[in-house]
Each structure stands twice: as structure tokens, then as C-alpha cells.
């Protein structure tokens, strides 16, 4: 019986790592993560890992075959519950908020650090939503050049530039820039 538990432990461990690294698959029966999450490949692998671990430990402690099987079953169910109730929700939350796009810059205030001419590009410094200082290439539709230290509002973004508008009387969300 030890060999069976050892095999379950090995296969379950490799399958859990593979499923967590790649993605959460379902078994193709329509009852995957959206319907019955305990039928996903990740959950089944965690159950196999838990059963293998519990069975091995019970066998090594000298419990009988029936007792070791009960410990293995309970360990598998506990590991599935922990995976579904704690680990996967945490990973899904991290995945959904782990990266902000450039579109999150719209609406922020900044300061011109390199003059932004009306017919070219310059540079603007600002603080993003996560508190990180960002420097980005900027363009403006205004008729005059935006000079260094001009407070600006980020009105739009595209793949290459942020589009800024000069604002008067605003205090940008950027630490003080030294005037050399």
C-alpha cells in the first residue's frame, strides 16, 4: 500500500504544480471551475497529493490499511478545500490586479520635465496610481510650447505618447523637481 500512496503523492504533486503554473483546467465535462470547482484538474491533483501524503504518513505511523485509507481520504478532501477556499481565490485576485495599463494614467496630474513643443514631443513626470514615479513621452494639442515645470493634466494615452493639457494653478502629484 505504501507504493500506491507514494505514487499518488508523486503524480499529485507534479500535477498540482503543473496546473498552478499553467492554468486551472477543467475535465471537459462542463463541471469545471465555473460549475463544480472540485472537478477541475487542479483540484483533483490536489486531492491526489493530499491522499498520497496522508496515506504515506499514516502508513509510516503504523496505522492499519483501513485507517490509512481513511486518513488519506480526509487529507485529500482537506487539501482540495484549502486549494479552492484559499489558494486559488488569492491567485485569481493577484492575476486580475497585477498590472495596470497606460490607460490608468488618464486623469493624473504631472509636470513637464522636457519642453513639449506644439509640433513634437517632450517628457512629463507624474505619479501613477500605485505611487510609482513615471516619466513618459508626451505631446500636446496646445498652440504654444509647454515649458519645463508646467503643470499638466493627462487627457489621453496612445501606444507611443501621453496627451497632455496645460493647467494653471494646479499642484501636480509629483515630488518637487529641482530647478537647476
N, C-alpha and C. Protein backbone atom coordinates (compact mmCIF):
# COMPACT_ATOMS: atom_id res chain seq x y z
N UNK A 1 0.81 -1.18 0.00
CA UNK A 1 0.00 0.00 0.00
C UNK A 1 0.87 1.26 0.00
N UNK A 2 2.05 1.19 0.59
CA UNK A 2 2.95 2.34 0.62
C UNK A 2 3.29 2.80 -0.79
N UNK A 3 3.48 1.84 -1.71
CA UNK A 3 3.79 2.18 -3.10
C UNK A 3 2.67 2.96 -3.76
N UNK A 4 1.43 2.59 -3.46
CA UNK A 4 0.28 3.29 -4.03
C UNK A 4 0.24 4.73 -3.52
N UNK A 5 0.45 4.93 -2.23
CA UNK A 5 0.45 6.27 -1.66
C UNK A 5 1.62 7.10 -2.18
N UNK A 6 2.76 6.46 -2.34
CA UNK A 6 3.94 7.16 -2.87
C UNK A 6 3.68 7.59 -4.31
N UNK A 7 3.07 6.73 -5.11
CA UNK A 7 2.74 7.08 -6.49
C UNK A 7 1.72 8.22 -6.53
N UNK A 8 0.69 8.16 -5.67
CA UNK A 8 -0.31 9.22 -5.61
C UNK A 8 0.33 10.54 -5.21
N UNK A 9 1.25 10.48 -4.26
CA UNK A 9 1.95 11.69 -3.82
C UNK A 9 2.75 12.28 -4.98
N UNK A 10 3.51 11.48 -5.68
CA UNK A 10 4.35 11.97 -6.78
C UNK A 10 3.54 12.52 -7.93
N UNK A 11 2.56 11.75 -8.39
CA UNK A 11 1.73 12.19 -9.52
C UNK A 11 0.92 13.43 -9.13
N UNK A 12 0.33 13.42 -7.94
CA UNK A 12 -0.46 14.56 -7.48
C UNK A 12 0.38 15.81 -7.35
N UNK A 13 1.57 15.68 -6.80
CA UNK A 13 2.45 16.84 -6.63
C UNK A 13 2.85 17.45 -7.96
N UNK A 14 3.24 16.62 -8.90
CA UNK A 14 3.62 17.13 -10.23
C UNK A 14 2.42 17.75 -10.92
N UNK A 15 1.26 17.13 -10.82
CA UNK A 15 0.06 17.66 -11.47
C UNK A 15 -0.38 18.98 -10.86
N UNK A 16 -0.31 19.11 -9.53
CA UNK A 16 -0.68 20.38 -8.88
C UNK A 16 0.26 21.49 -9.34
N UNK A 17 1.55 21.24 -9.34
CA UNK A 17 2.49 22.27 -9.77
C UNK A 17 2.26 22.65 -11.23
N UNK A 18 2.04 21.66 -12.07
CA UNK A 18 1.79 21.94 -13.48
C UNK A 18 0.51 22.73 -13.66
N UNK A 19 -0.56 22.33 -12.98
CA UNK A 19 -1.83 23.03 -13.12
C UNK A 19 -1.76 24.46 -12.59
N UNK A 20 -1.07 24.67 -11.48
CA UNK A 20 -0.97 26.02 -10.92
C UNK A 20 -0.10 26.92 -11.77
N UNK A 21 0.95 26.35 -12.37
CA UNK A 21 1.84 27.16 -13.20
C UNK A 21 1.18 27.49 -14.53
N UNK A 22 0.53 26.51 -15.14
CA UNK A 22 -0.05 26.75 -16.46
C UNK A 22 -1.40 27.44 -16.38
N UNK A 23 -2.37 26.81 -15.75
CA UNK A 23 -3.70 27.39 -15.60
C UNK A 23 -4.59 26.41 -14.86
N UNK A 24 -5.82 26.81 -14.60
CA UNK A 24 -6.76 25.93 -13.93
C UNK A 24 -7.65 25.30 -14.98
N UNK A 25 -7.41 24.03 -15.33
CA UNK A 25 -8.17 23.32 -16.36
C UNK A 25 -9.37 22.63 -15.75
N UNK A 26 -10.40 22.40 -16.56
CA UNK A 26 -11.47 21.52 -16.09
C UNK A 26 -11.34 20.19 -16.83
N UNK A 27 -12.16 19.24 -16.49
CA UNK A 27 -12.05 17.91 -17.08
C UNK A 27 -12.81 17.79 -18.39
N UNK A 28 -13.33 18.89 -18.92
CA UNK A 28 -14.05 18.86 -20.18
C UNK A 28 -15.46 18.31 -20.05
N UNK A 29 -15.99 18.21 -18.84
CA UNK A 29 -17.32 17.65 -18.66
C UNK A 29 -18.36 18.73 -18.35
N UNK A 30 -17.97 19.99 -18.48
CA UNK A 30 -18.90 21.07 -18.22
C UNK A 30 -19.05 21.42 -16.75
N UNK A 31 -18.38 20.72 -15.87
CA UNK A 31 -18.49 20.99 -14.44
C UNK A 31 -17.19 21.56 -13.89
N UNK A 32 -16.42 22.25 -14.70
CA UNK A 32 -15.11 22.74 -14.29
C UNK A 32 -15.20 23.87 -13.29
N UNK A 33 -14.26 24.80 -13.31
CA UNK A 33 -14.16 25.85 -12.31
C UNK A 33 -15.42 26.70 -12.15
N UNK A 34 -16.26 26.80 -13.18
CA UNK A 34 -17.47 27.62 -13.05
C UNK A 34 -18.61 26.89 -12.37
N UNK A 35 -18.72 25.58 -12.56
CA UNK A 35 -19.84 24.83 -12.00
C UNK A 35 -19.46 24.12 -10.72
N UNK A 36 -18.72 23.04 -10.82
CA UNK A 36 -18.28 22.27 -9.66
C UNK A 36 -16.75 22.32 -9.62
N UNK A 37 -16.17 23.30 -8.92
CA UNK A 37 -14.73 23.52 -8.98
C UNK A 37 -13.91 22.35 -8.47
N UNK A 38 -14.50 21.47 -7.66
CA UNK A 38 -13.72 20.34 -7.17
C UNK A 38 -13.47 19.30 -8.25
N UNK A 39 -14.07 19.46 -9.44
CA UNK A 39 -13.81 18.56 -10.55
C UNK A 39 -12.76 19.08 -11.52
N UNK A 40 -12.12 20.20 -11.19
CA UNK A 40 -11.07 20.73 -12.07
C UNK A 40 -9.81 19.88 -11.91
N UNK A 41 -8.95 19.95 -12.91
CA UNK A 41 -7.69 19.20 -12.85
C UNK A 41 -6.86 19.62 -11.64
N UNK A 42 -6.85 20.90 -11.35
CA UNK A 42 -6.09 21.39 -10.21
C UNK A 42 -6.60 20.79 -8.91
N UNK A 43 -7.92 20.77 -8.73
CA UNK A 43 -8.50 20.21 -7.51
C UNK A 43 -8.27 18.71 -7.40
N UNK A 44 -8.47 18.01 -8.51
CA UNK A 44 -8.26 16.56 -8.48
C UNK A 44 -6.79 16.23 -8.18
N UNK A 45 -5.89 17.03 -8.72
CA UNK A 45 -4.45 16.83 -8.45
C UNK A 45 -4.14 17.10 -6.98
N UNK A 46 -4.75 18.16 -6.43
CA UNK A 46 -4.54 18.47 -5.01
C UNK A 46 -5.08 17.35 -4.14
N UNK A 47 -6.23 16.79 -4.50
CA UNK A 47 -6.79 15.67 -3.75
C UNK A 47 -5.89 14.45 -3.80
N UNK A 48 -5.33 14.19 -4.97
CA UNK A 48 -4.41 13.06 -5.13
C UNK A 48 -3.14 13.29 -4.29
N UNK A 49 -2.63 14.52 -4.31
CA UNK A 49 -1.46 14.85 -3.49
C UNK A 49 -1.77 14.70 -2.01
N UNK A 50 -2.92 15.21 -1.58
CA UNK A 50 -3.30 15.10 -0.17
C UNK A 50 -3.50 13.65 0.25
N UNK A 51 -4.15 12.86 -0.60
CA UNK A 51 -4.37 11.45 -0.28
C UNK A 51 -3.04 10.71 -0.20
N UNK A 52 -2.16 10.99 -1.12
CA UNK A 52 -0.84 10.34 -1.10
C UNK A 52 -0.05 10.71 0.15
N UNK A 53 -0.06 11.98 0.49
CA UNK A 53 0.66 12.44 1.68
C UNK A 53 0.06 11.85 2.95
N UNK A 54 -1.26 11.95 3.09
CA UNK A 54 -1.92 11.41 4.29
C UNK A 54 -1.73 9.91 4.41
N UNK A 55 -1.87 9.19 3.31
CA UNK A 55 -1.69 7.74 3.33
C UNK A 55 -0.27 7.33 3.67
N UNK A 56 0.71 8.05 3.11
CA UNK A 56 2.11 7.75 3.44
C UNK A 56 2.39 7.95 4.91
N UNK A 57 1.97 9.09 5.43
CA UNK A 57 2.23 9.39 6.84
C UNK A 57 1.53 8.37 7.74
N UNK A 58 0.27 8.05 7.41
CA UNK A 58 -0.47 7.06 8.22
C UNK A 58 0.20 5.69 8.16
N UNK A 59 0.68 5.30 6.99
CA UNK A 59 1.37 4.01 6.85
C UNK A 59 2.67 4.01 7.65
N UNK A 60 3.42 5.10 7.58
CA UNK A 60 4.68 5.18 8.31
C UNK A 60 4.45 5.18 9.82
N UNK A 61 3.30 5.69 10.25
CA UNK A 61 2.99 5.68 11.68
C UNK A 61 2.47 4.32 12.15
N UNK A 62 2.32 3.39 11.22
CA UNK A 62 1.92 2.04 11.58
C UNK A 62 0.42 1.81 11.67
N UNK A 63 -0.39 2.71 11.13
CA UNK A 63 -1.84 2.51 11.13
C UNK A 63 -2.20 1.38 10.15
N UNK A 64 -3.29 0.75 10.38
CA UNK A 64 -3.74 -0.34 9.52
C UNK A 64 -4.19 0.17 8.17
N UNK A 65 -4.48 -0.73 7.26
CA UNK A 65 -4.87 -0.38 5.90
C UNK A 65 -6.13 0.48 5.87
N UNK A 66 -7.14 0.10 6.60
CA UNK A 66 -8.39 0.85 6.62
C UNK A 66 -8.19 2.24 7.24
N UNK A 67 -7.46 2.32 8.33
CA UNK A 67 -7.20 3.61 8.99
C UNK A 67 -6.37 4.51 8.08
N UNK A 68 -5.37 3.94 7.42
CA UNK A 68 -4.55 4.73 6.50
C UNK A 68 -5.38 5.24 5.32
N UNK A 69 -6.30 4.43 4.84
CA UNK A 69 -7.17 4.85 3.74
C UNK A 69 -8.08 5.99 4.16
N UNK A 70 -8.60 5.92 5.38
CA UNK A 70 -9.46 7.00 5.90
C UNK A 70 -8.66 8.29 6.05
N UNK A 71 -7.44 8.18 6.59
CA UNK A 71 -6.57 9.36 6.73
C UNK A 71 -6.26 9.94 5.35
N UNK A 72 -6.00 9.07 4.38
CA UNK A 72 -5.70 9.52 3.02
C UNK A 72 -6.89 10.27 2.42
N UNK A 73 -8.08 9.71 2.58
CA UNK A 73 -9.29 10.34 2.05
C UNK A 73 -9.53 11.71 2.70
N UNK A 74 -9.43 11.77 4.01
CA UNK A 74 -9.64 13.03 4.73
C UNK A 74 -8.58 14.06 4.33
N UNK A 75 -7.34 13.63 4.20
CA UNK A 75 -6.26 14.55 3.80
C UNK A 75 -6.51 15.12 2.40
N UNK A 76 -6.97 14.27 1.50
CA UNK A 76 -7.28 14.73 0.14
C UNK A 76 -8.39 15.77 0.13
N UNK A 77 -9.44 15.51 0.89
CA UNK A 77 -10.56 16.46 0.96
C UNK A 77 -10.12 17.79 1.58
N UNK A 78 -9.32 17.71 2.62
CA UNK A 78 -8.82 18.94 3.28
C UNK A 78 -7.97 19.75 2.32
N UNK A 79 -7.10 19.09 1.56
CA UNK A 79 -6.24 19.82 0.62
C UNK A 79 -7.06 20.43 -0.51
N UNK A 80 -8.08 19.74 -1.00
CA UNK A 80 -8.97 20.32 -2.02
C UNK A 80 -9.66 21.56 -1.45
N UNK A 81 -10.15 21.47 -0.23
CA UNK A 81 -10.82 22.61 0.40
C UNK A 81 -9.88 23.79 0.56
N UNK A 82 -8.65 23.52 0.99
CA UNK A 82 -7.67 24.60 1.16
C UNK A 82 -7.33 25.24 -0.18
N UNK A 83 -7.18 24.42 -1.18
CA UNK A 83 -6.85 24.94 -2.51
C UNK A 83 -7.99 25.80 -3.05
N UNK A 84 -9.21 25.29 -2.98
CA UNK A 84 -10.36 26.03 -3.52
C UNK A 84 -10.74 27.24 -2.67
N UNK A 85 -10.57 27.13 -1.35
CA UNK A 85 -11.02 28.20 -0.47
C UNK A 85 -10.00 29.29 -0.21
N UNK A 86 -8.70 28.97 -0.37
CA UNK A 86 -7.67 29.93 -0.02
C UNK A 86 -6.72 30.23 -1.17
N UNK A 87 -6.09 29.21 -1.71
CA UNK A 87 -5.01 29.41 -2.68
C UNK A 87 -5.51 29.96 -4.01
N UNK A 88 -6.47 29.29 -4.64
CA UNK A 88 -6.93 29.74 -5.96
C UNK A 88 -7.60 31.11 -5.93
N UNK A 89 -8.46 31.42 -4.95
CA UNK A 89 -9.01 32.78 -4.92
C UNK A 89 -7.92 33.85 -4.78
N UNK A 90 -6.91 33.56 -3.98
CA UNK A 90 -5.80 34.50 -3.82
C UNK A 90 -5.07 34.69 -5.16
N UNK A 91 -4.78 33.60 -5.85
CA UNK A 91 -4.08 33.69 -7.14
C UNK A 91 -4.93 34.42 -8.18
N UNK A 92 -6.22 34.18 -8.19
CA UNK A 92 -7.10 34.86 -9.15
C UNK A 92 -7.16 36.37 -8.87
N UNK A 93 -7.19 36.75 -7.59
CA UNK A 93 -7.18 38.18 -7.27
C UNK A 93 -5.87 38.81 -7.71
N UNK A 94 -4.78 38.13 -7.52
CA UNK A 94 -3.49 38.67 -7.93
C UNK A 94 -3.42 38.83 -9.44
N UNK A 95 -3.96 37.87 -10.16
CA UNK A 95 -3.93 37.92 -11.60
C UNK A 95 -4.75 39.09 -12.12
N UNK A 96 -5.88 39.38 -11.50
CA UNK A 96 -6.75 40.41 -12.02
C UNK A 96 -6.24 41.82 -11.74
N UNK A 97 -5.38 42.00 -10.75
CA UNK A 97 -4.94 43.35 -10.45
C UNK A 97 -3.42 43.51 -10.48
N UNK A 98 -2.73 42.59 -11.10
CA UNK A 98 -1.28 42.63 -11.02
C UNK A 98 -0.64 43.62 -11.96
N UNK A 99 -1.38 44.12 -12.94
CA UNK A 99 -0.76 45.05 -13.86
C UNK A 99 -1.77 46.07 -14.33
N UNK A 100 -1.38 47.32 -14.28
CA UNK A 100 -2.24 48.40 -14.76
C UNK A 100 -1.75 48.79 -16.15
N UNK A 101 -2.67 49.17 -16.98
CA UNK A 101 -2.32 49.63 -18.31
C UNK A 101 -2.06 51.12 -18.33
N UNK A 102 -1.57 51.58 -19.47
CA UNK A 102 -1.31 53.00 -19.63
C UNK A 102 -2.59 53.83 -19.54
N UNK A 103 -3.72 53.22 -19.80
CA UNK A 103 -4.98 53.96 -19.73
C UNK A 103 -5.24 54.47 -18.31
N UNK A 104 -4.62 53.86 -17.31
CA UNK A 104 -4.82 54.32 -15.93
C UNK A 104 -4.15 55.68 -15.68
N UNK A 105 -3.33 56.15 -16.62
CA UNK A 105 -2.68 57.46 -16.47
C UNK A 105 -3.65 58.61 -16.73
N UNK A 106 -4.72 58.36 -17.48
CA UNK A 106 -5.66 59.42 -17.83
C UNK A 106 -6.28 59.99 -16.55
N UNK A 107 -6.24 61.31 -16.45
CA UNK A 107 -6.80 61.99 -15.29
C UNK A 107 -5.77 62.38 -14.25
N UNK A 108 -4.54 61.91 -14.40
CA UNK A 108 -3.50 62.25 -13.42
C UNK A 108 -2.88 63.60 -13.75
N UNK A 109 -2.28 64.21 -12.74
CA UNK A 109 -1.57 65.47 -12.92
C UNK A 109 -0.08 65.20 -12.94
N UNK A 110 0.64 65.99 -13.71
CA UNK A 110 2.09 65.83 -13.79
C UNK A 110 2.78 67.15 -14.04
N UNK A 111 4.07 67.07 -14.27
CA UNK A 111 4.89 68.26 -14.52
C UNK A 111 5.76 68.00 -15.74
N UNK A 112 5.87 68.98 -16.60
CA UNK A 112 6.73 68.86 -17.78
C UNK A 112 8.18 68.85 -17.31
N UNK A 113 8.94 67.87 -17.76
CA UNK A 113 10.36 67.77 -17.41
C UNK A 113 11.25 68.06 -18.60
N UNK A 114 10.72 67.93 -19.80
CA UNK A 114 11.39 68.29 -21.05
C UNK A 114 10.35 69.04 -21.87
N UNK A 115 10.66 70.24 -22.35
CA UNK A 115 9.68 71.05 -23.07
C UNK A 115 8.88 70.21 -24.07
N UNK A 116 7.56 70.48 -24.11
CA UNK A 116 6.67 69.77 -25.05
C UNK A 116 6.25 70.78 -26.10
N UNK A 117 6.91 70.75 -27.30
CA UNK A 117 6.54 71.70 -28.35
C UNK A 117 5.20 71.33 -28.98
N UNK A 118 4.58 72.31 -29.63
CA UNK A 118 3.28 72.08 -30.26
C UNK A 118 3.38 71.09 -31.42
N UNK A 119 4.55 70.99 -32.04
CA UNK A 119 4.70 70.14 -33.22
C UNK A 119 5.64 68.95 -32.98
N UNK A 120 5.88 68.60 -31.73
CA UNK A 120 6.79 67.49 -31.43
C UNK A 120 6.42 66.87 -30.09
N UNK A 121 7.41 66.24 -29.48
CA UNK A 121 7.15 65.60 -28.20
C UNK A 121 8.17 66.05 -27.16
N UNK A 122 7.77 65.90 -25.91
CA UNK A 122 8.63 66.22 -24.78
C UNK A 122 8.46 65.14 -23.73
N UNK A 123 8.72 65.50 -22.47
CA UNK A 123 8.60 64.50 -21.41
C UNK A 123 7.85 65.08 -20.22
N UNK A 124 7.06 64.22 -19.59
CA UNK A 124 6.27 64.60 -18.42
C UNK A 124 6.54 63.60 -17.31
N UNK A 125 6.64 64.09 -16.07
CA UNK A 125 6.80 63.22 -14.90
C UNK A 125 5.52 63.30 -14.08
N UNK A 126 5.10 62.15 -13.55
CA UNK A 126 3.90 62.09 -12.72
C UNK A 126 3.98 60.85 -11.84
N UNK A 127 3.04 60.74 -10.91
CA UNK A 127 2.98 59.60 -10.02
C UNK A 127 1.76 58.77 -10.41
N UNK A 128 1.97 57.46 -10.70
CA UNK A 128 0.84 56.62 -11.12
C UNK A 128 0.00 56.20 -9.93
N UNK A 129 -1.04 55.42 -10.19
CA UNK A 129 -2.00 55.02 -9.15
C UNK A 129 -1.37 54.16 -8.06
N UNK A 130 -0.24 53.51 -8.36
CA UNK A 130 0.45 52.69 -7.36
C UNK A 130 1.50 53.47 -6.58
N UNK A 131 1.64 54.76 -6.88
CA UNK A 131 2.61 55.59 -6.17
C UNK A 131 4.00 55.60 -6.79
N UNK A 132 4.13 55.04 -7.98
CA UNK A 132 5.42 55.00 -8.66
C UNK A 132 5.61 56.25 -9.50
N UNK A 133 6.81 56.79 -9.47
CA UNK A 133 7.11 57.95 -10.30
C UNK A 133 7.34 57.47 -11.72
N UNK A 134 6.66 58.12 -12.67
CA UNK A 134 6.72 57.73 -14.08
C UNK A 134 7.17 58.92 -14.91
N UNK A 135 8.02 58.64 -15.88
CA UNK A 135 8.40 59.64 -16.88
C UNK A 135 7.94 59.09 -18.22
N UNK A 136 7.22 59.90 -18.99
CA UNK A 136 6.68 59.41 -20.25
C UNK A 136 6.80 60.48 -21.33
N UNK A 137 6.92 60.02 -22.57
CA UNK A 137 6.94 60.94 -23.70
C UNK A 137 5.54 61.51 -23.87
N UNK A 138 5.50 62.82 -24.09
CA UNK A 138 4.21 63.50 -24.13
C UNK A 138 4.10 64.40 -25.35
N UNK A 139 2.86 64.56 -25.82
CA UNK A 139 2.54 65.51 -26.88
C UNK A 139 1.37 66.35 -26.39
N UNK A 140 1.19 67.51 -27.06
CA UNK A 140 0.08 68.38 -26.70
C UNK A 140 -0.56 68.95 -27.95
N UNK A 141 -1.81 69.28 -27.86
CA UNK A 141 -2.54 69.91 -28.96
C UNK A 141 -2.59 71.43 -28.78
N UNK A 142 -1.93 71.92 -27.75
CA UNK A 142 -1.96 73.36 -27.49
C UNK A 142 -1.08 74.08 -28.51
N UNK A 143 -1.41 75.35 -28.79
CA UNK A 143 -0.66 76.09 -29.83
C UNK A 143 0.75 76.50 -29.41
N UNK A 144 1.00 76.61 -28.10
CA UNK A 144 2.30 77.04 -27.62
C UNK A 144 3.05 75.88 -26.97
N UNK A 145 4.36 76.01 -26.90
CA UNK A 145 5.19 75.01 -26.25
C UNK A 145 4.92 75.01 -24.75
N UNK A 146 4.82 73.81 -24.20
CA UNK A 146 4.70 73.68 -22.74
C UNK A 146 6.13 73.60 -22.21
N UNK A 147 6.51 74.59 -21.40
CA UNK A 147 7.89 74.65 -20.92
C UNK A 147 8.08 73.81 -19.67
N UNK A 148 9.33 73.59 -19.35
CA UNK A 148 9.69 72.81 -18.17
C UNK A 148 9.01 73.39 -16.93
N UNK A 149 8.55 72.51 -16.03
CA UNK A 149 7.88 72.83 -14.78
C UNK A 149 6.41 73.24 -14.95
N UNK A 150 5.87 73.16 -16.17
CA UNK A 150 4.45 73.49 -16.38
C UNK A 150 3.59 72.35 -15.83
N UNK A 151 2.62 72.65 -14.97
CA UNK A 151 1.71 71.59 -14.51
C UNK A 151 0.78 71.18 -15.65
N UNK A 152 0.58 69.87 -15.80
CA UNK A 152 -0.25 69.37 -16.90
C UNK A 152 -1.25 68.33 -16.39
N UNK A 153 -2.29 68.15 -17.18
CA UNK A 153 -3.31 67.14 -16.96
C UNK A 153 -3.17 66.12 -18.08
N UNK A 154 -3.15 64.83 -17.74
CA UNK A 154 -3.04 63.79 -18.77
C UNK A 154 -4.45 63.50 -19.27
N UNK A 155 -4.72 63.89 -20.52
CA UNK A 155 -6.06 63.80 -21.09
C UNK A 155 -6.30 62.51 -21.86
N UNK A 156 -5.24 61.92 -22.42
CA UNK A 156 -5.39 60.71 -23.23
C UNK A 156 -4.04 60.01 -23.33
N UNK A 157 -4.07 58.75 -23.75
CA UNK A 157 -2.85 57.99 -23.99
C UNK A 157 -3.00 57.21 -25.29
N UNK A 158 -1.91 56.95 -25.95
CA UNK A 158 -1.90 56.03 -27.07
C UNK A 158 -0.67 55.14 -26.90
N UNK A 159 -0.36 54.35 -27.87
CA UNK A 159 0.73 53.39 -27.74
C UNK A 159 2.09 54.06 -27.58
N UNK A 160 2.22 55.28 -28.08
CA UNK A 160 3.52 55.93 -28.07
C UNK A 160 3.64 57.10 -27.10
N UNK A 161 2.58 57.88 -26.95
CA UNK A 161 2.64 59.11 -26.17
C UNK A 161 1.48 59.21 -25.20
N UNK A 162 1.69 60.09 -24.20
CA UNK A 162 0.57 60.55 -23.40
C UNK A 162 0.22 61.94 -23.92
N UNK A 163 -1.04 62.28 -23.93
CA UNK A 163 -1.50 63.57 -24.44
C UNK A 163 -1.85 64.45 -23.24
N UNK A 164 -1.19 65.61 -23.18
CA UNK A 164 -1.33 66.46 -22.00
C UNK A 164 -1.92 67.82 -22.36
N UNK A 165 -2.51 68.44 -21.35
CA UNK A 165 -3.09 69.78 -21.46
C UNK A 165 -2.54 70.59 -20.29
N UNK A 166 -2.09 71.81 -20.57
CA UNK A 166 -1.57 72.67 -19.51
C UNK A 166 -2.71 73.10 -18.60
N UNK A 167 -2.41 73.15 -17.32
CA UNK A 167 -3.38 73.65 -16.35
C UNK A 167 -2.69 74.69 -15.50
N UNK A 168 -3.44 75.70 -15.14
CA UNK A 168 -2.85 76.76 -14.32
C UNK A 168 -3.37 76.63 -12.90
N UNK A 169 -2.49 76.87 -11.95
CA UNK A 169 -2.87 76.87 -10.56
C UNK A 169 -2.98 75.50 -9.92
N UNK A 170 -2.65 74.45 -10.64
CA UNK A 170 -2.74 73.10 -10.07
C UNK A 170 -1.41 72.69 -9.46
N UNK A 171 -1.49 71.89 -8.46
CA UNK A 171 -0.28 71.33 -7.85
C UNK A 171 -0.19 69.88 -8.30
N UNK A 172 0.83 69.52 -9.11
CA UNK A 172 0.93 68.16 -9.62
C UNK A 172 1.24 67.15 -8.53
N UNK A 173 0.89 65.87 -8.80
CA UNK A 173 1.14 64.78 -7.86
C UNK A 173 2.55 64.22 -8.05
N UNK A 174 3.53 65.10 -8.15
CA UNK A 174 4.90 64.68 -8.38
C UNK A 174 5.77 65.32 -7.32
N UNK A 175 6.72 64.59 -6.76
CA UNK A 175 7.64 65.22 -5.83
C UNK A 175 8.33 66.41 -6.49
N UNK A 176 8.75 67.36 -5.71
CA UNK A 176 9.34 68.58 -6.23
C UNK A 176 10.52 68.26 -7.15
N UNK A 177 10.51 68.90 -8.31
CA UNK A 177 11.60 68.74 -9.27
C UNK A 177 12.56 69.89 -9.03
N UNK A 178 13.82 69.58 -8.89
CA UNK A 178 14.81 70.63 -8.64
C UNK A 178 14.96 71.50 -9.87
N UNK A 179 14.98 72.78 -9.66
CA UNK A 179 15.18 73.73 -10.75
C UNK A 179 16.65 74.08 -10.80
N UNK A 180 17.34 73.50 -11.79
CA UNK A 180 18.79 73.76 -11.94
C UNK A 180 19.02 74.85 -12.93
